[in-house]
Amino acid sequence: MPDFLNASVQPDTAMPDTVVIRVDQLHALTGLLSLEEVAEQFSDLSTVAQVSIFGLFEDALAGICTALTRTATGE
């Protein structure tokens, strides 16, 4: 069993906080993009602008992955 699943291991509490913040940011962004008016405006953006916005998702997911990996490995 991985250490992060073992209740006796004390994880670094800063890492889960980072994950929660990143997930909250992704949730807010997806909520915004799910609004019809926002989706319409998003579709009118240039491809560069759309890619930049999706880059926010990529960056947030990379941060989540890093924080979870550090928590799992005990760093």
C-alpha atoms as a PDB file:
ATOM      1  CA  MET A   1       0.000   0.000   0.000  1.00  0.00           C
ATOM      2  CA  PRO A   2       1.374   3.454  -0.876  1.00  0.00           C
ATOM      3  CA  ASP A   3       2.399   5.525   2.137  1.00  0.00           C
ATOM      4  CA  PHE A   4      -0.089   8.283   1.348  1.00  0.00           C
ATOM      5  CA  LEU A   5      -2.939   5.783   1.840  1.00  0.00           C
ATOM      6  CA  ASN A   6      -1.582   4.721   5.227  1.00  0.00           C
ATOM      7  CA  ALA A   7      -3.397   6.615   8.000  1.00  0.00           C
ATOM      8  CA  SER A   8      -0.350   6.445  10.277  1.00  0.00           C
ATOM      9  CA  VAL A   9       1.763   8.516   7.856  1.00  0.00           C
ATOM     10  CA  GLN A  10       1.522  12.233   8.556  1.00  0.00           C
ATOM     11  CA  PRO A  11       1.341  14.042   5.191  1.00  0.00           C
ATOM     12  CA  ASP A  12       2.660  17.548   4.621  1.00  0.00           C
ATOM     13  CA  THR A  13      -0.481  19.635   5.127  1.00  0.00           C
ATOM     14  CA  ALA A  14       0.734  22.366   2.756  1.00  0.00           C
ATOM     15  CA  MET A  15       0.527  20.045  -0.245  1.00  0.00           C
ATOM     16  CA  PRO A  16      -3.173  19.135   0.131  1.00  0.00           C
ATOM     17  CA  ASP A  17      -3.916  22.849   0.599  1.00  0.00           C
ATOM     18  CA  THR A  18      -2.196  23.535  -2.725  1.00  0.00           C
ATOM     19  CA  VAL A  19      -4.269  20.822  -4.381  1.00  0.00           C
ATOM     20  CA  VAL A  20      -7.519  22.198  -2.943  1.00  0.00           C
ATOM     21  CA  ILE A  21      -6.702  25.690  -4.197  1.00  0.00           C
ATOM     22  CA  ARG A  22      -5.833  24.383  -7.674  1.00  0.00           C
ATOM     23  CA  VAL A  23      -8.989  22.258  -7.858  1.00  0.00           C
ATOM     24  CA  ASP A  24     -11.075  25.235  -6.727  1.00  0.00           C
ATOM     25  CA  GLN A  25      -9.509  27.351  -9.483  1.00  0.00           C
ATOM     26  CA  LEU A  26     -10.290  24.695 -12.109  1.00  0.00           C
ATOM     27  CA  HIS A  27     -13.831  24.345 -10.791  1.00  0.00           C
ATOM     28  CA  ALA A  28     -14.382  28.114 -11.000  1.00  0.00           C
ATOM     29  CA  LEU A  29     -12.989  28.280 -14.533  1.00  0.00           C
ATOM     30  CA  THR A  30     -15.103  25.366 -15.758  1.00  0.00           C
ATOM     31  CA  GLY A  31     -18.161  26.898 -14.113  1.00  0.00           C
ATOM     32  CA  LEU A  32     -17.511  30.147 -15.909  1.00  0.00           C
ATOM     33  CA  LEU A  33     -16.971  28.465 -19.270  1.00  0.00           C
ATOM     34  CA  SER A  34     -20.189  26.471 -18.860  1.00  0.00           C
ATOM     35  CA  LEU A  35     -22.299  29.645 -18.942  1.00  0.00           C
ATOM     36  CA  GLU A  36     -23.898  30.072 -22.365  1.00  0.00           C
ATOM     37  CA  GLU A  37     -22.891  33.722 -22.779  1.00  0.00           C
ATOM     38  CA  VAL A  38     -19.300  32.992 -21.791  1.00  0.00           C
ATOM     39  CA  ALA A  39     -19.139  29.960 -24.096  1.00  0.00           C
ATOM     40  CA  GLU A  40     -20.357  32.097 -26.997  1.00  0.00           C
ATOM     41  CA  GLN A  41     -17.742  34.756 -26.296  1.00  0.00           C
ATOM     42  CA  PHE A  42     -15.068  32.086 -25.859  1.00  0.00           C
ATOM     43  CA  SER A  43     -15.865  30.657 -29.296  1.00  0.00           C
ATOM     44  CA  ASP A  44     -15.367  34.139 -30.779  1.00  0.00           C
ATOM     45  CA  LEU A  45     -11.841  34.398 -29.350  1.00  0.00           C
ATOM     46  CA  SER A  46      -8.791  33.794 -31.486  1.00  0.00           C
ATOM     47  CA  THR A  47      -7.239  30.356 -31.384  1.00  0.00           C
ATOM     48  CA  VAL A  48      -4.247  31.802 -29.519  1.00  0.00           C
ATOM     49  CA  ALA A  49      -6.529  33.204 -26.813  1.00  0.00           C
ATOM     50  CA  GLN A  50      -8.431  29.909 -26.512  1.00  0.00           C
ATOM     51  CA  VAL A  51      -5.187  27.948 -26.220  1.00  0.00           C
ATOM     52  CA  SER A  52      -3.991  30.374 -23.547  1.00  0.00           C
ATOM     53  CA  ILE A  53      -7.127  29.811 -21.496  1.00  0.00           C
ATOM     54  CA  PHE A  54      -6.768  26.047 -21.775  1.00  0.00           C
ATOM     55  CA  GLY A  55      -3.148  26.536 -20.739  1.00  0.00           C
ATOM     56  CA  LEU A  56      -4.566  27.595 -17.366  1.00  0.00           C
ATOM     57  CA  PHE A  57      -6.111  24.129 -17.063  1.00  0.00           C
ATOM     58  CA  GLU A  58      -2.813  22.505 -17.987  1.00  0.00           C
ATOM     59  CA  ASP A  59      -0.858  24.581 -15.455  1.00  0.00           C
ATOM     60  CA  ALA A  60      -3.375  23.917 -12.682  1.00  0.00           C
ATOM     61  CA  LEU A  61      -3.401  20.178 -13.374  1.00  0.00           C
ATOM     62  CA  ALA A  62       0.406  20.105 -13.394  1.00  0.00           C
ATOM     63  CA  GLY A  63       0.390  21.857  -9.996  1.00  0.00           C
ATOM     64  CA  ILE A  64      -2.092  19.330  -8.643  1.00  0.00           C
ATOM     65  CA  CYS A  65      -0.011  16.444  -9.949  1.00  0.00           C
ATOM     66  CA  THR A  66       3.161  17.868  -8.420  1.00  0.00           C
ATOM     67  CA  ALA A  67       1.529  18.438  -5.031  1.00  0.00           C
ATOM     68  CA  LEU A  68      -0.007  14.968  -4.958  1.00  0.00           C
ATOM     69  CA  THR A  69       3.263  13.351  -6.020  1.00  0.00           C
ATOM     70  CA  ARG A  70       5.161  15.182  -3.291  1.00  0.00           C
ATOM     71  CA  THR A  71       2.554  14.167  -0.733  1.00  0.00           C
ATOM     72  CA  ALA A  72       2.683  10.553  -1.891  1.00  0.00           C
ATOM     73  CA  THR A  73       6.474  10.395  -1.770  1.00  0.00           C
ATOM     74  CA  GLY A  74       6.714  12.266   1.521  1.00  0.00           C
ATOM     75  CA  GLU A  75       8.741  15.198   0.167  1.00  0.00           C
END
